[in-house]
Amino acid sequence: MRDDHGQMHIDYLIGIAIFLTSVIFVFSYTAGLFTPFQSNSDEVTLIADRISTNVIEQSTSAGNPRTPNLLNSKKVDNFFTQMNANYEGTIDHYGMNSSFLTYELNITMQNITAGSIDHSAGKPLPLQGNIGQTKRIVLVENESTGDKVQATLFVRVW
């Protein structure tokens, strides 16, 4: 009498291990098929984040290092007026214009309590394409009255 059924469990375990390894391999490599091949959304999001940090902490800051999101209302008005008057100069200032690649910019400030758009500058948003967006919640302080208004600053780059 021959006893050749002893390796049945080992063969079964090896087969299941090979099957699970192949399933994991297929799922890990097919996940990349659903992302677009020419996507630069990470790049434009990083640019939008860099510009929002520059605008909030340098261009429109109230000057108090303990509250980095506190903005001066006069500086905010001047910034949006200058950006509307000299859009190309603003793009050059932030390093978004080169001979190889040019980005467009839209910066909008929305009053949270009133729900209205206080300021907007830059190009209108495109209907399609990769748009990088950064939203920052800020306080805008009126120097003369001391009143503070909560607002959201949207920086969009494409």
Protein backbone atom coordinates (compact mmCIF):
# COMPACT_ATOMS: atom_id res chain seq x y z
CA MET A 1 0.00 0.00 0.00
CA ARG A 2 1.45 3.40 -1.08
CA ASP A 3 0.99 6.45 1.05
CA ASP A 4 1.46 9.42 -1.36
CA HIS A 5 -1.16 11.76 0.15
CA GLY A 6 1.20 13.30 2.74
CA GLN A 7 2.14 16.37 0.68
CA MET A 8 -1.40 17.47 -0.06
CA HIS A 9 -1.38 20.20 2.60
CA ILE A 10 2.01 21.58 1.56
CA ASP A 11 0.97 21.68 -2.11
CA TYR A 12 -2.23 23.46 -1.15
CA LEU A 13 -0.37 26.09 0.94
CA ILE A 14 2.15 26.74 -1.82
CA GLY A 15 -0.66 27.14 -4.37
CA ILE A 16 -2.57 29.59 -2.16
CA ALA A 17 0.63 31.57 -1.47
CA ILE A 18 1.38 31.88 -5.19
CA PHE A 19 -2.22 32.88 -5.92
CA LEU A 20 -2.31 35.56 -3.19
CA THR A 21 1.08 36.91 -4.28
CA SER A 22 -0.14 37.25 -7.85
CA VAL A 23 -3.38 38.95 -6.74
CA ILE A 24 -1.43 41.47 -4.63
CA PHE A 25 0.96 42.06 -7.53
CA VAL A 26 -1.93 42.73 -9.95
CA PHE A 27 -3.70 45.14 -7.57
CA SER A 28 -0.56 47.06 -6.72
CA TYR A 29 0.40 47.63 -10.36
CA THR A 30 -3.05 48.29 -11.81
CA ALA A 31 -3.75 51.10 -9.33
CA GLY A 32 -1.40 53.29 -11.39
CA LEU A 33 -3.48 52.78 -14.53
CA PHE A 34 -6.26 55.02 -13.24
CA THR A 35 -4.09 58.12 -12.78
CA PRO A 36 -3.55 60.32 -15.82
CA PHE A 37 -0.18 60.08 -17.51
CA GLN A 38 0.36 63.85 -17.85
CA SER A 39 -0.95 64.95 -14.46
CA ASN A 40 0.82 67.86 -12.82
CA SER A 41 -1.78 68.53 -10.13
CA ASP A 42 0.75 67.96 -7.35
CA GLU A 43 3.06 70.52 -8.92
CA VAL A 44 0.43 73.24 -9.24
CA THR A 45 -0.86 72.55 -5.72
CA LEU A 46 2.65 73.08 -4.34
CA ILE A 47 2.95 76.32 -6.31
CA ALA A 48 -0.43 77.50 -4.95
CA ASP A 49 0.68 76.67 -1.41
CA ARG A 50 3.95 78.56 -1.85
CA ILE A 51 2.16 81.63 -3.20
CA SER A 52 -0.47 81.61 -0.43
CA THR A 53 2.28 81.45 2.19
CA ASN A 54 4.10 84.35 0.52
CA VAL A 55 0.94 86.47 0.24
CA ILE A 56 -0.18 85.87 3.82
CA GLU A 57 3.13 85.98 5.66
CA GLN A 58 4.95 88.64 3.65
CA SER A 59 2.78 90.76 1.34
CA THR A 60 -0.32 91.33 3.49
CA SER A 61 0.78 90.43 7.03
CA ALA A 62 -0.10 92.69 9.93
CA GLY A 63 3.46 92.22 11.16
CA ASN A 64 2.79 90.19 14.30
CA PRO A 65 4.91 87.01 14.18
CA ARG A 66 2.76 85.37 16.89
CA THR A 67 -0.30 85.46 14.61
CA PRO A 68 0.87 84.59 11.10
CA ASN A 69 -2.65 84.55 9.63
CA LEU A 70 -3.49 88.08 10.78
CA LEU A 71 -3.64 90.40 7.77
CA ASN A 72 -3.64 94.18 7.48
CA SER A 73 -6.74 95.40 5.57
CA LYS A 74 -4.82 98.23 3.84
CA LYS A 75 -2.12 95.83 2.66
CA VAL A 76 -4.80 93.43 1.43
CA ASP A 77 -6.51 96.22 -0.55
CA ASN A 78 -3.17 97.34 -2.00
CA PHE A 79 -2.20 93.78 -2.93
CA PHE A 80 -5.41 93.07 -4.84
CA THR A 81 -5.34 96.51 -6.52
CA GLN A 82 -1.74 95.98 -7.64
CA MET A 83 -2.45 92.45 -8.88
CA ASN A 84 -5.44 93.63 -10.93
CA ALA A 85 -3.43 96.52 -12.36
CA ASN A 86 -0.24 94.55 -13.12
CA TYR A 87 -1.09 90.85 -13.49
CA GLU A 88 1.97 89.99 -15.59
CA GLY A 89 4.27 91.67 -13.07
CA THR A 90 2.70 89.60 -10.28
CA ILE A 91 3.20 86.39 -12.27
CA ASP A 92 6.85 87.35 -12.86
CA HIS A 93 7.30 88.26 -9.19
CA TYR A 94 6.21 84.78 -8.06
CA GLY A 95 8.33 83.04 -10.71
CA MET A 96 5.41 81.58 -12.65
CA ASN A 97 6.45 82.85 -16.07
CA SER A 98 9.29 81.23 -17.97
CA SER A 99 10.17 80.44 -21.55
CA PHE A 100 9.44 76.75 -20.93
CA LEU A 101 6.20 76.85 -18.94
CA THR A 102 3.80 79.56 -17.81
CA TYR A 103 1.22 79.24 -15.05
CA GLU A 104 -1.91 81.30 -14.51
CA LEU A 105 -3.10 82.57 -11.14
CA ASN A 106 -6.35 83.50 -9.43
CA ILE A 107 -6.50 84.76 -5.84
CA THR A 108 -9.88 85.27 -4.16
CA MET A 109 -10.73 86.37 -0.62
CA GLN A 110 -14.17 85.44 0.69
CA ASN A 111 -15.67 86.87 3.87
CA ILE A 112 -16.74 83.88 5.98
CA THR A 113 -19.34 85.67 8.10
CA ALA A 114 -21.04 87.54 5.25
CA GLY A 115 -20.45 84.82 2.66
CA SER A 116 -19.47 87.41 0.07
CA ILE A 117 -16.33 87.72 -2.04
CA ASP A 118 -14.38 90.72 -0.78
CA HIS A 119 -11.51 90.65 -3.28
CA SER A 120 -10.65 88.77 -6.44
CA ALA A 121 -7.71 89.16 -8.79
CA GLY A 122 -6.14 87.26 -11.63
CA LYS A 123 -7.42 85.28 -14.58
CA PRO A 124 -10.86 83.63 -14.56
CA LEU A 125 -10.80 79.92 -13.79
CA PRO A 126 -10.73 77.54 -16.77
CA LEU A 127 -13.57 75.09 -17.27
CA GLN A 128 -11.23 72.09 -17.44
CA GLY A 129 -7.66 71.15 -16.68
CA ASN A 130 -5.53 70.62 -13.60
CA ILE A 131 -6.10 73.36 -11.06
CA GLY A 132 -4.08 73.43 -7.86
CA GLN A 133 -5.87 75.13 -4.99
CA THR A 134 -4.90 76.16 -1.50
CA LYS A 135 -7.39 77.55 1.01
CA ARG A 136 -6.21 79.47 4.07
CA ILE A 137 -8.41 80.89 6.83
CA VAL A 138 -7.20 84.34 7.83
CA LEU A 139 -8.19 87.28 10.02
CA VAL A 140 -8.26 90.67 8.32
CA GLU A 141 -7.77 93.52 10.76
CA ASN A 142 -8.89 97.07 10.10
CA GLU A 143 -6.12 99.30 11.51
CA SER A 144 -8.29 102.31 12.24
CA THR A 145 -11.15 100.52 14.04
CA GLY A 146 -9.39 97.35 15.23
CA ASP A 147 -12.23 95.20 13.90
CA LYS A 148 -11.29 91.74 12.69
CA VAL A 149 -13.10 89.86 9.95
CA GLN A 150 -12.63 86.14 9.34
CA ALA A 151 -12.02 85.30 5.69
CA THR A 152 -10.87 82.47 3.45
CA LEU A 153 -8.07 83.10 0.96
CA PHE A 154 -8.25 80.89 -2.15
CA VAL A 155 -5.12 80.64 -4.29
CA ARG A 156 -5.63 78.75 -7.54
CA VAL A 157 -2.89 77.92 -10.05
CA TRP A 158 -3.20 76.19 -13.43
